[in-house]
N, C-alpha and C. Protein backbone atom coordinates (compact mmCIF):
# COMPACT_ATOMS: atom_id res chain seq x y z
N MET A 1 124.28 238.95 53.23
CA MET A 1 123.79 240.14 52.17
C MET A 1 122.51 240.40 52.72
N ARG A 2 122.55 241.50 52.96
CA ARG A 2 121.36 242.24 53.73
C ARG A 2 119.79 242.72 52.74
N SER A 3 118.87 241.68 52.52
CA SER A 3 117.84 242.38 51.44
C SER A 3 117.31 243.51 52.53
N ASP A 4 116.63 244.47 51.23
CA ASP A 4 115.65 245.23 51.07
C ASP A 4 114.18 244.80 51.26
N ALA A 5 114.06 243.59 50.67
CA ALA A 5 112.96 243.85 50.76
C ALA A 5 111.67 243.60 51.80
N THR A 6 110.89 244.22 51.54
CA THR A 6 109.53 243.77 52.07
C THR A 6 108.42 242.93 52.61
N THR A 7 108.51 241.55 51.57
CA THR A 7 107.40 240.99 51.79
C THR A 7 108.62 239.44 51.13
N VAL A 8 108.00 238.26 51.60
CA VAL A 8 108.76 237.07 52.21
C VAL A 8 108.95 236.77 50.36
N GLU A 9 108.07 237.07 49.24
CA GLU A 9 108.12 236.42 48.49
C GLU A 9 109.13 237.73 47.40
N GLU A 10 109.21 238.70 47.60
CA GLU A 10 110.00 239.93 47.36
C GLU A 10 111.56 239.24 47.63
N TYR A 11 111.53 238.90 48.65
CA TYR A 11 112.54 238.20 49.97
C TYR A 11 113.43 237.51 48.68
N LEU A 12 112.28 236.48 48.25
CA LEU A 12 112.76 234.98 47.48
C LEU A 12 113.23 235.54 45.61
N ALA A 13 112.38 236.35 45.09
CA ALA A 13 112.21 236.79 43.88
C ALA A 13 113.45 237.49 43.90
N GLN A 14 114.42 237.79 44.86
CA GLN A 14 115.56 238.41 44.78
C GLN A 14 116.81 237.48 44.58
N LEU A 15 116.67 236.48 44.76
CA LEU A 15 118.00 235.06 44.85
C LEU A 15 118.06 234.66 43.70
N GLU A 16 119.05 234.00 43.39
CA GLU A 16 119.47 233.34 42.23
C GLU A 16 118.64 231.98 42.32
N PRO A 17 117.91 231.43 41.09
CA PRO A 17 116.70 230.43 41.15
C PRO A 17 117.28 229.34 42.21
N ALA A 18 118.52 228.60 42.48
CA ALA A 18 119.22 227.49 43.03
C ALA A 18 118.87 227.94 44.34
N ARG A 19 119.18 229.31 44.52
CA ARG A 19 119.17 229.37 46.31
C ARG A 19 117.99 230.18 46.72
N ALA A 20 116.84 229.87 45.86
CA ALA A 20 115.91 230.49 46.29
C ALA A 20 114.99 229.51 46.30
N ALA A 21 115.48 228.07 45.44
CA ALA A 21 114.65 226.87 45.88
C ALA A 21 115.06 225.93 47.00
N ASP A 22 116.32 226.86 47.33
CA ASP A 22 116.63 225.84 48.69
C ASP A 22 115.64 226.62 49.85
N MET A 23 116.05 228.10 49.53
CA MET A 23 115.32 229.06 50.53
C MET A 23 114.08 228.74 51.09
N ARG A 24 112.57 228.04 49.64
CA ARG A 24 111.68 227.53 50.01
C ARG A 24 111.28 226.41 50.06
N ALA A 25 112.54 225.50 50.00
CA ALA A 25 112.34 224.20 50.86
C ALA A 25 112.65 224.65 52.35
N VAL A 26 113.60 225.16 53.03
CA VAL A 26 113.63 225.72 54.40
C VAL A 26 112.33 225.92 54.59
N LEU A 27 112.08 227.27 54.33
CA LEU A 27 110.88 227.94 54.71
C LEU A 27 109.47 227.19 55.01
N GLY A 28 109.36 225.73 53.79
CA GLY A 28 108.30 225.23 53.69
C GLY A 28 108.64 224.30 55.24
N VAL A 29 110.02 223.96 55.48
CA VAL A 29 110.04 223.52 57.04
C VAL A 29 109.32 224.28 57.96
N ILE A 30 109.82 225.35 57.94
CA ILE A 30 109.63 226.14 59.01
C ILE A 30 108.28 226.46 59.12
N ARG A 31 107.76 226.86 58.06
CA ARG A 31 106.29 226.98 58.00
C ARG A 31 105.30 225.98 58.40
N GLY A 32 105.85 224.91 58.41
CA GLY A 32 105.17 223.27 58.89
C GLY A 32 105.18 223.01 60.29
N ALA A 33 106.47 223.66 60.75
CA ALA A 33 106.57 223.10 62.24
C ALA A 33 105.95 224.65 63.20
N ILE A 34 106.16 225.73 62.67
CA ILE A 34 106.54 226.51 63.80
C ILE A 34 104.70 226.83 64.28
N PRO A 35 104.73 226.84 65.59
CA PRO A 35 103.55 226.89 66.12
C PRO A 35 102.64 227.96 65.52
N PRO A 36 101.22 228.47 66.03
CA PRO A 36 100.42 229.26 65.36
C PRO A 36 100.50 230.40 66.40
N GLY A 37 100.22 231.60 65.97
CA GLY A 37 100.47 232.91 66.77
C GLY A 37 101.57 233.52 66.47
N TYR A 38 102.73 233.14 65.34
CA TYR A 38 103.85 233.71 65.37
C TYR A 38 103.51 234.77 64.19
N VAL A 39 104.43 235.84 63.80
CA VAL A 39 103.67 236.34 62.44
C VAL A 39 105.15 236.41 61.72
N GLU A 40 104.71 236.03 60.45
CA GLU A 40 106.15 235.91 59.30
C GLU A 40 105.99 236.97 58.78
N THR A 41 107.05 237.90 58.60
CA THR A 41 107.33 238.88 57.71
C THR A 41 109.32 238.95 57.89
N VAL A 42 108.91 240.38 56.80
CA VAL A 42 110.71 240.28 56.73
C VAL A 42 110.99 241.81 57.40
N ASN A 43 112.05 241.36 58.57
CA ASN A 43 112.57 242.24 59.41
C ASN A 43 114.19 242.23 59.12
N TRP A 44 115.17 243.53 59.61
CA TRP A 44 116.32 243.26 59.95
C TRP A 44 117.00 242.01 58.60
N GLY A 45 116.63 242.44 57.44
CA GLY A 45 116.91 241.71 56.41
C GLY A 45 116.64 240.56 55.98
N MET A 46 115.61 240.30 56.80
CA MET A 46 115.24 238.66 56.80
C MET A 46 114.34 237.91 56.83
N ILE A 47 113.70 236.77 56.61
CA ILE A 47 112.43 236.22 57.08
C ILE A 47 112.52 235.83 58.47
N CYS A 48 111.43 236.47 58.77
CA CYS A 48 111.35 236.44 60.19
C CYS A 48 110.01 235.76 60.81
N TRP A 49 109.81 235.26 61.87
CA TRP A 49 108.73 234.60 62.64
C TRP A 49 108.61 235.42 64.24
N GLU A 50 108.12 236.06 64.15
CA GLU A 50 108.40 237.44 65.35
C GLU A 50 106.62 237.20 66.59
N VAL A 51 107.26 237.16 67.44
CA VAL A 51 105.99 237.04 69.01
C VAL A 51 105.74 238.52 68.74
N PRO A 52 104.10 238.58 68.49
CA PRO A 52 103.23 240.47 68.65
C PRO A 52 103.79 241.26 69.55
N LEU A 53 104.15 242.14 69.83
CA LEU A 53 104.51 242.90 70.79
C LEU A 53 103.08 242.98 71.89
N GLU A 54 101.95 242.85 71.08
CA GLU A 54 100.72 242.73 72.24
C GLU A 54 100.69 241.61 73.31
N LEU A 55 101.67 240.42 72.54
CA LEU A 55 101.56 239.46 73.61
C LEU A 55 102.96 239.74 74.48
N SER A 56 103.98 239.82 74.08
CA SER A 56 105.34 239.90 74.76
C SER A 56 105.35 241.03 75.71
N GLY A 57 104.57 241.99 75.44
CA GLY A 57 105.08 243.40 76.27
C GLY A 57 106.69 243.73 75.67
N PRO A 58 106.29 245.25 75.90
CA PRO A 58 107.75 246.25 75.50
C PRO A 58 109.42 245.17 75.51
N THR A 59 109.95 245.05 74.53
CA THR A 59 111.23 244.85 74.28
C THR A 59 112.10 246.02 74.52
N TYR A 60 113.29 245.49 74.67
CA TYR A 60 114.56 246.59 75.44
C TYR A 60 114.73 247.35 73.69
N ASN A 61 114.49 246.90 72.64
CA ASN A 61 114.57 248.07 71.23
C ASN A 61 113.45 248.54 71.15
N GLY A 62 112.49 247.69 71.35
CA GLY A 62 110.43 248.25 70.62
C GLY A 62 110.54 247.05 69.80
N GLN A 63 111.34 246.60 69.24
CA GLN A 63 111.15 245.27 68.25
C GLN A 63 110.66 244.21 68.42
N PRO A 64 109.91 243.29 68.07
CA PRO A 64 109.04 241.79 68.46
C PRO A 64 110.22 241.21 68.42
N LEU A 65 110.58 239.91 69.54
CA LEU A 65 111.06 238.79 69.95
C LEU A 65 110.85 238.05 68.12
N ALA A 66 112.21 237.68 68.09
CA ALA A 66 111.99 236.89 66.66
C ALA A 66 112.82 235.80 67.06
N PRO A 67 112.23 234.49 67.37
CA PRO A 67 112.97 233.21 67.77
C PRO A 67 113.51 232.35 66.40
N VAL A 68 112.74 232.54 65.26
CA VAL A 68 113.06 231.69 64.37
C VAL A 68 113.46 233.01 62.95
N ALA A 69 114.13 232.53 62.73
CA ALA A 69 114.06 233.78 61.43
C ALA A 69 115.59 233.21 60.36
N LEU A 70 115.14 232.98 59.04
CA LEU A 70 115.91 232.63 57.57
C LEU A 70 116.56 233.61 56.77
N ALA A 71 117.94 233.59 56.27
CA ALA A 71 118.62 234.63 55.65
C ALA A 71 119.64 233.41 54.65
N SER A 72 119.45 234.30 53.55
CA SER A 72 120.46 233.70 52.36
C SER A 72 121.38 234.82 52.55
N GLN A 73 122.96 234.47 52.80
CA GLN A 73 123.86 235.11 52.99
C GLN A 73 124.65 235.04 51.54
N LYS A 74 125.97 235.93 51.63
CA LYS A 74 126.57 235.12 50.42
C LYS A 74 127.10 233.91 50.18
N ASN A 75 127.56 233.28 51.02
CA ASN A 75 127.81 231.64 50.46
C ASN A 75 127.33 231.16 51.63
N HIS A 76 126.12 231.19 52.10
CA HIS A 76 125.31 230.18 53.18
C HIS A 76 124.41 230.52 53.27
N ILE A 77 123.32 229.66 53.54
CA ILE A 77 121.74 229.64 53.94
C ILE A 77 122.04 229.69 55.78
N SER A 78 120.96 230.78 56.26
CA SER A 78 121.41 230.78 57.83
C SER A 78 120.09 230.62 58.35
N VAL A 79 119.99 229.94 59.49
CA VAL A 79 118.79 229.51 60.15
C VAL A 79 118.58 229.87 61.59
N TYR A 80 118.19 231.52 62.46
CA TYR A 80 118.73 231.72 63.20
C TYR A 80 117.43 230.65 64.24
N LEU A 81 117.84 230.34 65.34
CA LEU A 81 117.01 229.44 66.50
C LEU A 81 117.77 229.92 67.78
N MET A 82 116.53 231.27 68.24
CA MET A 82 116.89 231.37 69.70
C MET A 82 116.77 230.56 70.56
N GLY A 83 115.48 230.02 69.98
CA GLY A 83 114.80 228.74 71.36
C GLY A 83 115.43 228.06 71.36
N VAL A 84 116.88 227.32 70.79
CA VAL A 84 118.12 226.39 70.82
C VAL A 84 119.05 226.86 71.73
N TYR A 85 119.15 228.21 71.26
CA TYR A 85 120.32 229.38 71.87
C TYR A 85 120.24 229.10 73.84
N GLY A 86 118.84 229.69 73.82
CA GLY A 86 118.75 229.34 75.19
C GLY A 86 118.76 228.60 76.27
N SER A 87 118.83 227.12 76.05
CA SER A 87 118.81 226.45 76.93
C SER A 87 119.97 225.49 76.61
N PRO A 88 120.91 224.78 77.43
CA PRO A 88 122.22 224.23 77.22
C PRO A 88 121.12 222.42 76.87
N ALA A 89 120.03 222.29 77.41
CA ALA A 89 119.39 220.66 77.14
C ALA A 89 119.08 220.80 75.86
N VAL A 90 118.40 221.83 75.10
CA VAL A 90 117.67 222.07 73.90
C VAL A 90 118.74 221.91 73.34
N GLU A 91 120.11 222.82 73.36
CA GLU A 91 121.19 222.59 72.06
C GLU A 91 121.59 221.45 72.10
N SER A 92 121.36 220.63 73.11
CA SER A 92 122.54 219.14 72.81
C SER A 92 121.14 218.60 72.06
N GLU A 93 120.46 218.66 72.70
CA GLU A 93 119.46 217.56 71.67
C GLU A 93 119.60 218.41 70.33
N PHE A 94 119.52 219.55 69.97
CA PHE A 94 119.25 219.70 68.52
C PHE A 94 120.75 219.07 68.06
N ARG A 95 121.60 219.07 68.57
CA ARG A 95 123.01 218.86 68.07
C ARG A 95 122.74 217.18 67.64
N GLU A 96 122.13 216.65 68.25
CA GLU A 96 122.32 215.26 68.33
C GLU A 96 121.42 214.70 67.17
N ARG A 97 120.40 215.61 67.22
CA ARG A 97 119.43 215.56 65.80
C ARG A 97 120.13 215.41 64.90
N TRP A 98 121.04 216.43 64.97
CA TRP A 98 121.77 217.29 63.69
C TRP A 98 122.79 215.98 63.09
N HIS A 99 123.63 215.93 64.17
CA HIS A 99 124.31 214.86 63.91
C HIS A 99 123.75 213.49 63.27
N ALA A 100 122.55 213.07 63.90
CA ALA A 100 122.07 211.86 63.07
C ALA A 100 122.08 211.31 62.06
N THR A 101 122.30 212.82 60.95
CA THR A 101 122.17 212.65 59.46
C THR A 101 124.01 212.67 59.40
N GLN A 102 124.62 212.50 59.82
CA GLN A 102 125.95 212.74 59.57
C GLN A 102 126.53 214.04 58.87
N GLU A 103 126.05 215.07 58.71
CA GLU A 103 126.32 216.12 57.86
C GLU A 103 126.86 217.15 59.01
N ARG A 104 127.65 217.59 58.56
CA ARG A 104 128.48 218.60 59.41
C ARG A 104 127.56 219.81 59.67
N LEU A 105 127.74 219.86 60.78
CA LEU A 105 127.30 220.99 61.67
C LEU A 105 127.98 222.18 62.05
N ASP A 106 127.63 223.62 61.20
CA ASP A 106 128.22 224.74 61.29
C ASP A 106 127.27 225.57 62.00
N MET A 107 127.46 225.89 63.54
CA MET A 107 126.61 226.79 64.00
C MET A 107 127.37 227.58 65.01
N GLY A 108 126.95 228.39 65.20
CA GLY A 108 127.03 229.36 66.31
C GLY A 108 126.32 229.66 67.21
N LYS A 109 125.92 230.25 67.96
CA LYS A 109 125.31 230.42 69.23
C LYS A 109 123.64 230.41 68.92
N SER A 110 123.06 231.08 68.03
CA SER A 110 121.99 230.62 67.67
C SER A 110 121.79 230.61 65.81
N CYS A 111 122.85 230.14 65.19
CA CYS A 111 123.02 230.56 63.96
C CYS A 111 123.45 228.65 63.36
N VAL A 112 122.48 228.55 62.50
CA VAL A 112 122.81 227.46 61.89
C VAL A 112 122.99 227.91 60.06
N ARG A 113 124.42 227.08 59.65
CA ARG A 113 124.53 227.55 58.68
C ARG A 113 124.61 226.63 57.67
N PHE A 114 124.64 226.65 56.32
CA PHE A 114 124.73 225.27 55.47
C PHE A 114 125.03 226.16 53.78
N ARG A 115 125.42 225.48 52.84
CA ARG A 115 125.43 225.99 51.83
C ARG A 115 124.67 225.86 50.83
N THR A 116 124.04 224.28 50.77
CA THR A 116 122.84 224.08 50.42
C THR A 116 121.84 222.89 51.39
N VAL A 117 120.71 223.02 50.73
CA VAL A 117 119.62 222.19 51.48
C VAL A 117 119.98 221.13 51.55
N ALA A 118 120.26 220.10 50.53
CA ALA A 118 121.52 219.09 50.42
C ALA A 118 122.22 218.64 51.74
N ARG A 119 122.51 219.74 52.36
CA ARG A 119 123.80 219.76 53.74
C ARG A 119 122.79 220.12 54.91
N ALA A 120 121.61 220.27 54.81
CA ALA A 120 121.21 220.76 56.12
C ALA A 120 120.11 219.15 56.57
N ASN A 121 120.30 219.72 57.87
CA ASN A 121 119.52 218.37 58.66
C ASN A 121 117.77 219.31 58.55
N LEU A 122 116.78 219.32 57.71
CA LEU A 122 115.81 220.02 58.10
C LEU A 122 114.99 219.27 59.15
N ASP A 123 114.60 218.09 59.34
CA ASP A 123 113.50 217.64 60.05
C ASP A 123 114.27 217.94 61.57
N ALA A 124 115.95 218.36 62.10
CA ALA A 124 115.81 219.05 63.24
C ALA A 124 115.77 220.69 62.99
N ILE A 125 115.66 220.95 61.89
CA ILE A 125 115.71 222.64 61.50
C ILE A 125 113.77 222.49 61.92
N GLY A 126 113.26 221.87 61.61
CA GLY A 126 112.03 221.50 61.67
C GLY A 126 111.24 221.85 63.41
N TRP A 127 112.35 220.51 64.31
CA TRP A 127 111.95 219.93 65.65
C TRP A 127 112.23 221.62 66.34
N ALA A 128 113.39 222.33 66.28
CA ALA A 128 113.73 223.30 66.76
C ALA A 128 112.41 224.85 66.46
N ALA A 129 112.45 224.60 65.15
CA ALA A 129 111.07 225.51 65.11
C ALA A 129 109.67 225.59 65.38
N GLY A 130 109.49 224.21 65.72
CA GLY A 130 108.01 224.08 66.35
C GLY A 130 108.17 223.45 68.08
N LEU A 131 109.36 223.89 68.30
CA LEU A 131 109.35 223.77 70.22
C LEU A 131 108.72 224.53 70.77
N TYR A 132 108.09 225.96 70.77
CA TYR A 132 107.34 227.03 71.35
C TYR A 132 106.62 227.47 71.24
N SER A 133 105.21 227.67 71.47
CA SER A 133 104.83 228.46 71.18
C SER A 133 104.98 230.07 71.78
N PRO A 134 104.07 231.06 70.78
CA PRO A 134 104.69 232.42 71.23
C PRO A 134 104.91 232.76 72.66
N ALA A 135 103.69 232.28 73.50
CA ALA A 135 103.36 232.92 74.82
C ALA A 135 104.93 231.45 75.58
N GLU A 136 105.03 230.75 75.38
CA GLU A 136 106.28 229.81 75.78
C GLU A 136 107.56 230.50 75.42
N PHE A 137 107.66 230.91 74.16
CA PHE A 137 108.79 231.43 74.09
C PHE A 137 108.94 232.63 74.85
N VAL A 138 107.94 233.59 74.86
CA VAL A 138 107.93 234.85 75.80
C VAL A 138 108.65 234.61 77.84
N ASN A 139 107.93 233.38 77.79
CA ASN A 139 108.55 232.91 79.16
C ASN A 139 109.42 232.65 79.48
N GLU A 140 110.28 231.75 78.11
CA GLU A 140 111.90 231.14 78.37
C GLU A 140 112.52 232.22 78.39
N PHE A 141 112.34 233.19 77.05
CA PHE A 141 113.09 234.50 76.82
C PHE A 141 112.92 235.27 78.53
N GLN A 142 112.07 235.57 79.08
CA GLN A 142 111.80 236.67 80.22
C GLN A 142 112.89 236.02 81.62
N ALA A 143 112.66 234.19 81.53
CA ALA A 143 113.13 233.33 82.55
C ALA A 143 114.55 233.66 82.29
N ALA A 144 115.48 233.74 80.95
CA ALA A 144 116.93 233.95 80.92
C ALA A 144 117.16 235.18 80.97
N ARG A 145 116.56 236.37 81.06
CA ARG A 145 116.82 237.49 81.24
C ARG A 145 116.83 237.84 82.76
N GLY A 146 116.23 236.92 83.47
CA GLY A 146 116.15 236.91 84.91
C GLY A 146 114.98 237.92 85.38
């Protein structure tokens, strides 16, 4: 489900109350963990935390890098964690942290999916969201691209 919202509050207001409550819980965890310097916005139909272009420099598509994003999909909530995707060691650590709660992990390359916040490991999400300052993420991104 792609949203045409332009603000976080507008995005949340478009959701069913139970989903909005779950999204607010995840949003609170990410906001509490993400290092200063990111810009919280709605882009690509989801809530994103972006690296300002002034810090990253030009990107291949002219859009800011978004190492963390949060979206409400038709059947699940998605949390995009690009910092986890870029490092096998970080991904392994994330998986270990997630499985410590015995919750099933539904994970793509950078996307973690869960139906309700009760089925998520919010501690692992917070840990991953707080991994890199904007400058550190840019360095990791540039190193990965060669």
